[in-house]
Amino acid sequence: MRSHTVAAEGGSAAVTQDHDSYDYHFQDTVAGGDWLCEQDVVDHFVHSLPT
């Protein structure tokens, strides 16, 4: 089984604009993973992306 991030053709989103937020990106990522994601890992991933 491959993770969605590895299989994604469009890349990964990051918080880069004023209307973006880490909380929104976290919720969107977890919801996109049907709540099956390890939320600690998602939180680390969201905060580790370049801005």
PDB file of N, CA and C in Angstrom:
ATOM      1  N   MET A   1       0.845  -1.175   0.000  1.00  0.00           N
ATOM      2  CA  MET A   1       0.000   0.000   0.000  1.00  0.00           C
ATOM      3  C   MET A   1       0.892   1.241   0.000  1.00  0.00           C
ATOM      4  N   ARG A   2       0.531   2.220  -0.805  1.00  0.00           N
ATOM      5  CA  ARG A   2       1.288   3.473  -0.863  1.00  0.00           C
ATOM      6  C   ARG A   2       0.493   4.574  -0.168  1.00  0.00           C
ATOM      7  N   SER A   3       1.205   5.492   0.438  1.00  0.00           N
ATOM      8  CA  SER A   3       0.527   6.628   1.063  1.00  0.00           C
ATOM      9  C   SER A   3       0.045   7.578  -0.017  1.00  0.00           C
ATOM     10  N   HIS A   4      -0.934   8.391   0.323  1.00  0.00           N
ATOM     11  CA  HIS A   4      -1.462   9.358  -0.639  1.00  0.00           C
ATOM     12  C   HIS A   4      -0.401  10.378  -1.030  1.00  0.00           C
ATOM     13  N   THR A   5       0.462  10.760  -0.106  1.00  0.00           N
ATOM     14  CA  THR A   5       1.487  11.754  -0.423  1.00  0.00           C
ATOM     15  C   THR A   5       2.453  11.215  -1.474  1.00  0.00           C
ATOM     16  N   VAL A   6       2.834   9.957  -1.350  1.00  0.00           N
ATOM     17  CA  VAL A   6       3.745   9.355  -2.318  1.00  0.00           C
ATOM     18  C   VAL A   6       3.063   9.203  -3.670  1.00  0.00           C
ATOM     19  N   ALA A   7       1.778   8.855  -3.657  1.00  0.00           N
ATOM     20  CA  ALA A   7       1.049   8.614  -4.893  1.00  0.00           C
ATOM     21  C   ALA A   7       0.494   9.894  -5.510  1.00  0.00           C
ATOM     22  N   ALA A   8       0.531  10.993  -4.797  1.00  0.00           N
ATOM     23  CA  ALA A   8      -0.057  12.242  -5.290  1.00  0.00           C
ATOM     24  C   ALA A   8       0.709  12.756  -6.499  1.00  0.00           C
ATOM     25  N   GLU A   9      -0.028  13.088  -7.524  1.00  0.00           N
ATOM     26  CA  GLU A   9       0.605  13.631  -8.717  1.00  0.00           C
ATOM     27  C   GLU A   9       0.723  15.143  -8.640  1.00  0.00           C
ATOM     28  N   GLY A  10      -0.065  15.766  -7.790  1.00  0.00           N
ATOM     29  CA  GLY A  10      -0.065  17.219  -7.705  1.00  0.00           C
ATOM     30  C   GLY A  10       0.862  17.777  -6.647  1.00  0.00           C
ATOM     31  N   GLY A  11       1.530  16.927  -5.890  1.00  0.00           N
ATOM     32  CA  GLY A  11       2.426  17.394  -4.847  1.00  0.00           C
ATOM     33  C   GLY A  11       1.703  17.572  -3.528  1.00  0.00           C
ATOM     34  N   SER A  12       2.354  18.241  -2.603  1.00  0.00           N
ATOM     35  CA  SER A  12       1.794  18.494  -1.282  1.00  0.00           C
ATOM     36  C   SER A  12       1.556  19.980  -1.112  1.00  0.00           C
ATOM     37  N   ALA A  13       0.463  20.314  -0.470  1.00  0.00           N
ATOM     38  CA  ALA A  13       0.130  21.718  -0.227  1.00  0.00           C
ATOM     39  C   ALA A  13       0.882  22.218   0.999  1.00  0.00           C
ATOM     40  N   ALA A  14       1.084  23.516   1.068  1.00  0.00           N
ATOM     41  CA  ALA A  14       1.738  24.143   2.215  1.00  0.00           C
ATOM     42  C   ALA A  14       1.016  25.441   2.545  1.00  0.00           C
ATOM     43  N   VAL A  15       1.222  25.935   3.741  1.00  0.00           N
ATOM     44  CA  VAL A  15       0.640  27.203   4.178  1.00  0.00           C
ATOM     45  C   VAL A  15       1.520  28.318   3.620  1.00  0.00           C
ATOM     46  N   THR A  16       1.030  28.980   2.578  1.00  0.00           N
ATOM     47  CA  THR A  16       1.855  29.983   1.899  1.00  0.00           C
ATOM     48  C   THR A  16       1.178  31.335   1.734  1.00  0.00           C
ATOM     49  N   GLN A  17      -0.114  31.431   2.025  1.00  0.00           N
ATOM     50  CA  GLN A  17      -0.831  32.685   1.815  1.00  0.00           C
ATOM     51  C   GLN A  17      -1.519  33.118   3.098  1.00  0.00           C
ATOM     52  N   ASP A  18      -1.903  34.390   3.147  1.00  0.00           N
ATOM     53  CA  ASP A  18      -2.508  34.947   4.358  1.00  0.00           C
ATOM     54  C   ASP A  18      -3.775  34.210   4.781  1.00  0.00           C
ATOM     55  N   HIS A  19      -4.573  33.739   3.817  1.00  0.00           N
ATOM     56  CA  HIS A  19      -5.825  33.075   4.175  1.00  0.00           C
ATOM     57  C   HIS A  19      -5.619  31.604   4.558  1.00  0.00           C
ATOM     58  N   ASP A  20      -4.407  31.088   4.398  1.00  0.00           N
ATOM     59  CA  ASP A  20      -4.091  29.718   4.809  1.00  0.00           C
ATOM     60  C   ASP A  20      -3.797  29.681   6.307  1.00  0.00           C
ATOM     61  N   SER A  21      -3.967  28.508   6.898  1.00  0.00           N
ATOM     62  CA  SER A  21      -3.583  28.335   8.298  1.00  0.00           C
ATOM     63  C   SER A  21      -3.145  26.891   8.512  1.00  0.00           C
ATOM     64  N   TYR A  22      -2.314  26.685   9.514  1.00  0.00           N
ATOM     65  CA  TYR A  22      -1.877  25.335   9.836  1.00  0.00           C
ATOM     66  C   TYR A  22      -3.062  24.477  10.270  1.00  0.00           C
ATOM     67  N   ASP A  23      -3.984  25.067  11.038  1.00  0.00           N
ATOM     68  CA  ASP A  23      -5.155  24.312  11.494  1.00  0.00           C
ATOM     69  C   ASP A  23      -6.012  23.851  10.322  1.00  0.00           C
ATOM     70  N   TYR A  24      -6.250  24.756   9.357  1.00  0.00           N
ATOM     71  CA  TYR A  24      -7.053  24.382   8.190  1.00  0.00           C
ATOM     72  C   TYR A  24      -6.349  23.289   7.394  1.00  0.00           C
ATOM     73  N   HIS A  25      -5.052  23.437   7.177  1.00  0.00           N
ATOM     74  CA  HIS A  25      -4.295  22.453   6.405  1.00  0.00           C
ATOM     75  C   HIS A  25      -4.307  21.095   7.112  1.00  0.00           C
ATOM     76  N   PHE A  26      -4.165  21.118   8.435  1.00  0.00           N
ATOM     77  CA  PHE A  26      -4.222  19.885   9.226  1.00  0.00           C
ATOM     78  C   PHE A  26      -5.578  19.205   9.053  1.00  0.00           C
ATOM     79  N   GLN A  27      -6.660  19.956   9.263  1.00  0.00           N
ATOM     80  CA  GLN A  27      -8.008  19.387   9.150  1.00  0.00           C
ATOM     81  C   GLN A  27      -8.280  18.860   7.741  1.00  0.00           C
ATOM     82  N   ASP A  28      -7.851  19.607   6.731  1.00  0.00           N
ATOM     83  CA  ASP A  28      -8.059  19.204   5.343  1.00  0.00           C
ATOM     84  C   ASP A  28      -7.295  17.915   5.025  1.00  0.00           C
ATOM     85  N   THR A  29      -6.079  17.800   5.537  1.00  0.00           N
ATOM     86  CA  THR A  29      -5.270  16.603   5.300  1.00  0.00           C
ATOM     87  C   THR A  29      -5.877  15.391   5.989  1.00  0.00           C
ATOM     88  N   VAL A  30      -6.300  15.549   7.235  1.00  0.00           N
ATOM     89  CA  VAL A  30      -6.897  14.443   7.983  1.00  0.00           C
ATOM     90  C   VAL A  30      -8.223  14.027   7.340  1.00  0.00           C
ATOM     91  N   ALA A  31      -9.052  14.989   6.971  1.00  0.00           N
ATOM     92  CA  ALA A  31     -10.328  14.674   6.325  1.00  0.00           C
ATOM     93  C   ALA A  31     -10.097  13.998   4.972  1.00  0.00           C
ATOM     94  N   GLY A  32      -9.101  14.462   4.224  1.00  0.00           N
ATOM     95  CA  GLY A  32      -8.782  13.851   2.936  1.00  0.00           C
ATOM     96  C   GLY A  32      -8.300  12.421   3.068  1.00  0.00           C
ATOM     97  N   GLY A  33      -7.777  12.082   4.226  1.00  0.00           N
ATOM     98  CA  GLY A  33      -7.334  10.717   4.511  1.00  0.00           C
ATOM     99  C   GLY A  33      -8.401   9.890   5.201  1.00  0.00           C
ATOM    100  N   ASP A  34      -9.659  10.364   5.135  1.00  0.00           N
ATOM    101  CA  ASP A  34     -10.799   9.672   5.752  1.00  0.00           C
ATOM    102  C   ASP A  34     -10.576   9.393   7.231  1.00  0.00           C
ATOM    103  N   TRP A  35      -9.883  10.281   7.915  1.00  0.00           N
ATOM    104  CA  TRP A  35      -9.616  10.202   9.358  1.00  0.00           C
ATOM    105  C   TRP A  35      -8.797   8.968   9.730  1.00  0.00           C
ATOM    106  N   LEU A  36      -8.077   8.404   8.760  1.00  0.00           N
ATOM    107  CA  LEU A  36      -7.234   7.237   9.019  1.00  0.00           C
ATOM    108  C   LEU A  36      -5.778   7.619   9.244  1.00  0.00           C
ATOM    109  N   CYS A  37      -5.455   8.886   9.078  1.00  0.00           N
ATOM    110  CA  CYS A  37      -4.073   9.364   9.217  1.00  0.00           C
ATOM    111  C   CYS A  37      -3.646   9.368  10.682  1.00  0.00           C
ATOM    112  N   GLU A  38      -2.373   9.144  10.904  1.00  0.00           N
ATOM    113  CA  GLU A  38      -1.795   9.341  12.229  1.00  0.00           C
ATOM    114  C   GLU A  38      -1.713  10.850  12.441  1.00  0.00           C
ATOM    115  N   GLN A  39      -2.548  11.390  13.301  1.00  0.00           N
ATOM    116  CA  GLN A  39      -2.669  12.839  13.425  1.00  0.00           C
ATOM    117  C   GLN A  39      -1.401  13.497  13.949  1.00  0.00           C
ATOM    118  N   ASP A  40      -0.620  12.811  14.765  1.00  0.00           N
ATOM    119  CA  ASP A  40       0.665  13.371  15.208  1.00  0.00           C
ATOM    120  C   ASP A  40       1.612  13.545  14.023  1.00  0.00           C
ATOM    121  N   VAL A  41       1.581  12.589  13.105  1.00  0.00           N
ATOM    122  CA  VAL A  41       2.431  12.658  11.916  1.00  0.00           C
ATOM    123  C   VAL A  41       1.962  13.788  11.003  1.00  0.00           C
ATOM    124  N   VAL A  42       0.648  13.912  10.825  1.00  0.00           N
ATOM    125  CA  VAL A  42       0.102  14.994   9.994  1.00  0.00           C
ATOM    126  C   VAL A  42       0.484  16.346  10.581  1.00  0.00           C
ATOM    127  N   ASP A  43       0.373  16.498  11.885  1.00  0.00           N
ATOM    128  CA  ASP A  43       0.728  17.765  12.529  1.00  0.00           C
ATOM    129  C   ASP A  43       2.200  18.101  12.281  1.00  0.00           C
ATOM    130  N   HIS A  44       3.067  17.121  12.431  1.00  0.00           N
ATOM    131  CA  HIS A  44       4.499  17.334  12.175  1.00  0.00           C
ATOM    132  C   HIS A  44       4.724  17.688  10.703  1.00  0.00           C
ATOM    133  N   PHE A  45       4.076  16.980   9.805  1.00  0.00           N
ATOM    134  CA  PHE A  45       4.211  17.213   8.368  1.00  0.00           C
ATOM    135  C   PHE A  45       3.777  18.631   8.004  1.00  0.00           C
ATOM    136  N   VAL A  46       2.614  19.043   8.500  1.00  0.00           N
ATOM    137  CA  VAL A  46       2.079  20.375   8.185  1.00  0.00           C
ATOM    138  C   VAL A  46       3.028  21.472   8.664  1.00  0.00           C
ATOM    139  N   HIS A  47       3.567  21.318   9.848  1.00  0.00           N
ATOM    140  CA  HIS A  47       4.449  22.350  10.391  1.00  0.00           C
ATOM    141  C   HIS A  47       5.878  22.277   9.840  1.00  0.00           C
ATOM    142  N   SER A  48       6.220  21.187   9.141  1.00  0.00           N
ATOM    143  CA  SER A  48       7.572  21.039   8.598  1.00  0.00           C
ATOM    144  C   SER A  48       7.716  21.529   7.165  1.00  0.00           C
ATOM    145  N   LEU A  49       6.600  21.752   6.484  1.00  0.00           N
ATOM    146  CA  LEU A  49       6.668  22.193   5.091  1.00  0.00           C
ATOM    147  C   LEU A  49       7.196  23.614   5.006  1.00  0.00           C
ATOM    148  N   PRO A  50       7.913  23.921   3.948  1.00  0.00           N
ATOM    149  CA  PRO A  50       8.404  25.304   3.786  1.00  0.00           C
ATOM    150  C   PRO A  50       7.252  26.273   3.592  1.00  0.00           C
ATOM    151  N   THR A  51       7.432  27.482   4.061  1.00  0.00           N
ATOM    152  CA  THR A  51       6.384  28.502   3.898  1.00  0.00           C
ATOM    153  C   THR A  51       6.829  29.561   2.925  1.00  0.00           C
TER     154      THR A  51
END
